[in-house]
Every structure is written in C-alpha cells, then in structure tokens.
Protein backbone atom coordinates (compact mmCIF):
# COMPACT_ATOMS: atom_id res chain seq x y z
CA UNK A 1 0.02 -0.01 0.00
CA UNK A 2 1.00 3.59 -0.50
CA UNK A 3 1.04 6.75 1.55
CA UNK A 4 -0.52 10.17 1.37
CA UNK A 5 0.75 13.26 3.16
CA UNK A 6 -1.86 14.97 5.31
CA UNK A 7 -1.74 17.59 8.04
CA UNK A 8 -3.68 20.18 9.99
CA UNK A 9 -2.71 23.64 11.26
CA UNK A 10 -3.71 25.19 14.56
CA UNK A 11 -3.85 28.90 15.30
CA UNK A 12 -2.48 28.55 18.84
CA UNK A 13 0.89 28.03 20.48
CA UNK A 14 -0.61 26.01 23.33
CA UNK A 15 0.40 22.37 22.84
CA UNK A 16 -2.45 21.08 25.05
CA UNK A 17 -4.96 22.91 22.87
CA UNK A 18 -3.28 21.55 19.74
CA UNK A 19 -3.44 17.99 21.14
CA UNK A 20 -7.15 18.37 21.94
CA UNK A 21 -7.99 19.78 18.52
CA UNK A 22 -5.83 17.10 16.85
CA UNK A 23 -7.93 14.40 18.47
CA UNK A 24 -11.13 16.11 17.23
CA UNK A 25 -9.71 16.43 13.72
CA UNK A 26 -8.72 12.74 13.63
CA UNK A 27 -12.27 11.81 14.63
CA UNK A 28 -13.72 14.11 11.94
CA UNK A 29 -11.44 12.55 9.30
CA UNK A 30 -12.58 9.08 10.35
CA UNK A 31 -16.27 10.07 10.08
CA UNK A 32 -15.61 11.67 6.68
CA UNK A 33 -13.92 8.46 5.46
CA UNK A 34 -16.76 6.26 6.76
CA UNK A 35 -19.30 8.47 4.97
CA UNK A 36 -17.29 8.25 1.73
CA UNK A 37 -17.10 4.45 2.03
CA UNK A 38 -20.87 4.20 2.65
CA UNK A 39 -21.49 6.45 -0.39
CA UNK A 40 -19.39 3.96 -2.40
CA UNK A 41 -21.64 1.13 -1.24
CA UNK A 42 -19.15 -0.58 1.09
CA UNK A 43 -20.49 -2.80 3.87
CA UNK A 44 -19.35 -2.58 7.51
CA UNK A 45 -16.58 -5.21 7.16
CA UNK A 46 -15.18 -3.49 4.04
CA UNK A 47 -15.23 -0.13 5.82
CA UNK A 48 -13.40 -1.57 8.87
CA UNK A 49 -10.74 -3.04 6.59
CA UNK A 50 -10.43 0.17 4.60
CA UNK A 51 -10.02 2.43 7.67
CA UNK A 52 -6.33 1.54 7.98
CA UNK A 53 -5.72 2.82 4.48
CA UNK A 54 -7.76 6.02 4.23
CA UNK A 55 -4.81 8.26 3.39
CA UNK A 56 -6.10 10.69 6.00
CA UNK A 57 -4.93 11.76 9.47
CA UNK A 58 -7.21 9.22 11.16
CA UNK A 59 -4.51 6.62 10.29
CA UNK A 60 -1.97 8.54 12.40
CA UNK A 61 -1.53 7.92 16.11
CA UNK A 62 -3.35 10.02 18.66
CA UNK A 63 0.01 11.01 20.12
CA UNK A 64 2.03 13.87 18.68
CA UNK A 65 5.82 13.69 18.39
CA UNK A 66 6.69 17.32 19.18
CA UNK A 67 9.77 18.30 17.25
CA UNK A 68 12.40 20.54 18.88
CA UNK A 69 12.76 22.76 15.80
CA UNK A 70 11.69 26.13 14.49
CA UNK A 71 9.57 28.00 14.57
CA UNK A 72 9.60 27.82 10.79
CA UNK A 73 9.10 31.07 8.89
CA UNK A 74 5.78 29.91 7.41
CA UNK A 75 3.35 27.00 7.03
CA UNK A 76 4.93 25.78 3.78
CA UNK A 77 8.37 25.36 5.38
CA UNK A 78 6.80 23.60 8.37
CA UNK A 79 4.91 21.25 6.02
CA UNK A 80 8.10 20.57 4.04
CA UNK A 81 9.94 19.62 7.23
CA UNK A 82 7.18 17.20 8.34
CA UNK A 83 6.88 15.75 4.86
CA UNK A 84 10.64 15.01 4.76
CA UNK A 85 11.06 13.83 8.36
CA UNK A 86 7.97 11.75 9.03
CA UNK A 87 7.76 7.99 8.43
CA UNK A 88 4.51 6.17 7.76
CA UNK A 89 3.11 4.30 10.77
CA UNK A 90 4.91 6.65 13.23
CA UNK A 91 3.12 9.22 15.41
CA UNK A 92 2.32 12.52 13.75
CA UNK A 93 4.96 15.23 13.96
CA UNK A 94 4.15 18.61 15.50
CA UNK A 95 6.12 21.69 14.57
CA UNK A 96 5.72 25.43 15.21
CA UNK A 97 5.59 28.03 12.47
CA UNK A 98 5.26 31.79 12.31
CA UNK A 99 1.98 33.35 11.19
CA UNK A 100 2.58 37.09 11.28
CA UNK A 101 3.50 37.93 14.85
CA UNK A 102 2.00 34.70 16.23
CA UNK A 103 3.22 31.14 16.53
CA UNK A 104 0.96 28.42 15.19
CA UNK A 105 1.40 24.64 14.98
CA UNK A 106 1.33 22.15 12.13
CA UNK A 107 0.65 18.47 12.93
CA UNK A 108 0.65 15.63 10.44
CA UNK A 109 2.60 13.09 8.44
CA UNK A 110 2.45 10.27 5.95
CA UNK A 111 -0.81 8.35 6.18
CA UNK A 112 -1.31 4.80 4.95
CA UNK A 113 -3.24 4.81 1.66
C-alpha cells in the first residue's frame, strides 16, 4: 500500500490545545472516510478493513511527536519539514511556524493509503 501526506494547522501556540484539537480532527477525518465508504456502497466489514488505508490523518496515532525545531518562517516550510522527516506508521509530527507575529502549529505526516 502507498502513503498520502496529510496535516492540519492550529492557530495557537498552546500544545495542550493543539493536542485536543488534533484528536477532534482525527475523529472528523474518520467520520468523513466512513461516509465516503458508505457512499461507495461498502459494507461494515469492508469499511473496517479500509479504515487503515484512508490516506487521512485518522490513520496517524493520537500522540504527537513534538519536534524541537523552528519555529519555521511559514506553514509551507513547516509542512516541508514534516513531509521530509515523518515515516509512515509513526506518530504525527508537530512543529511550530510563524503566522505574522504569532506562533501556530502544524501536525501531520504520511498516512497509509
């Protein structure tokens, strides 16, 4: 199976808030994937099997591997770092980046697809 790069950004520098929102976003991605599978006519067993290979953040671990880097100058540089450093099946990477005069976080990685 392959991999797809997926991530989310958070407009806060509070890691606890990022962790909480990450869990919510993972759940939303899972619901979205289930809905897509149902729209495609998959039964419950097929959906369960397919969940491991959605290519979305719900395939990443709930934990975040906070990287001791940055903050990156922008979201694109943060995403490039995560894309180049993350390995599929490992916890998502979390990195800070600058957004104007604020620090935001990007969390994500390579998702099984």
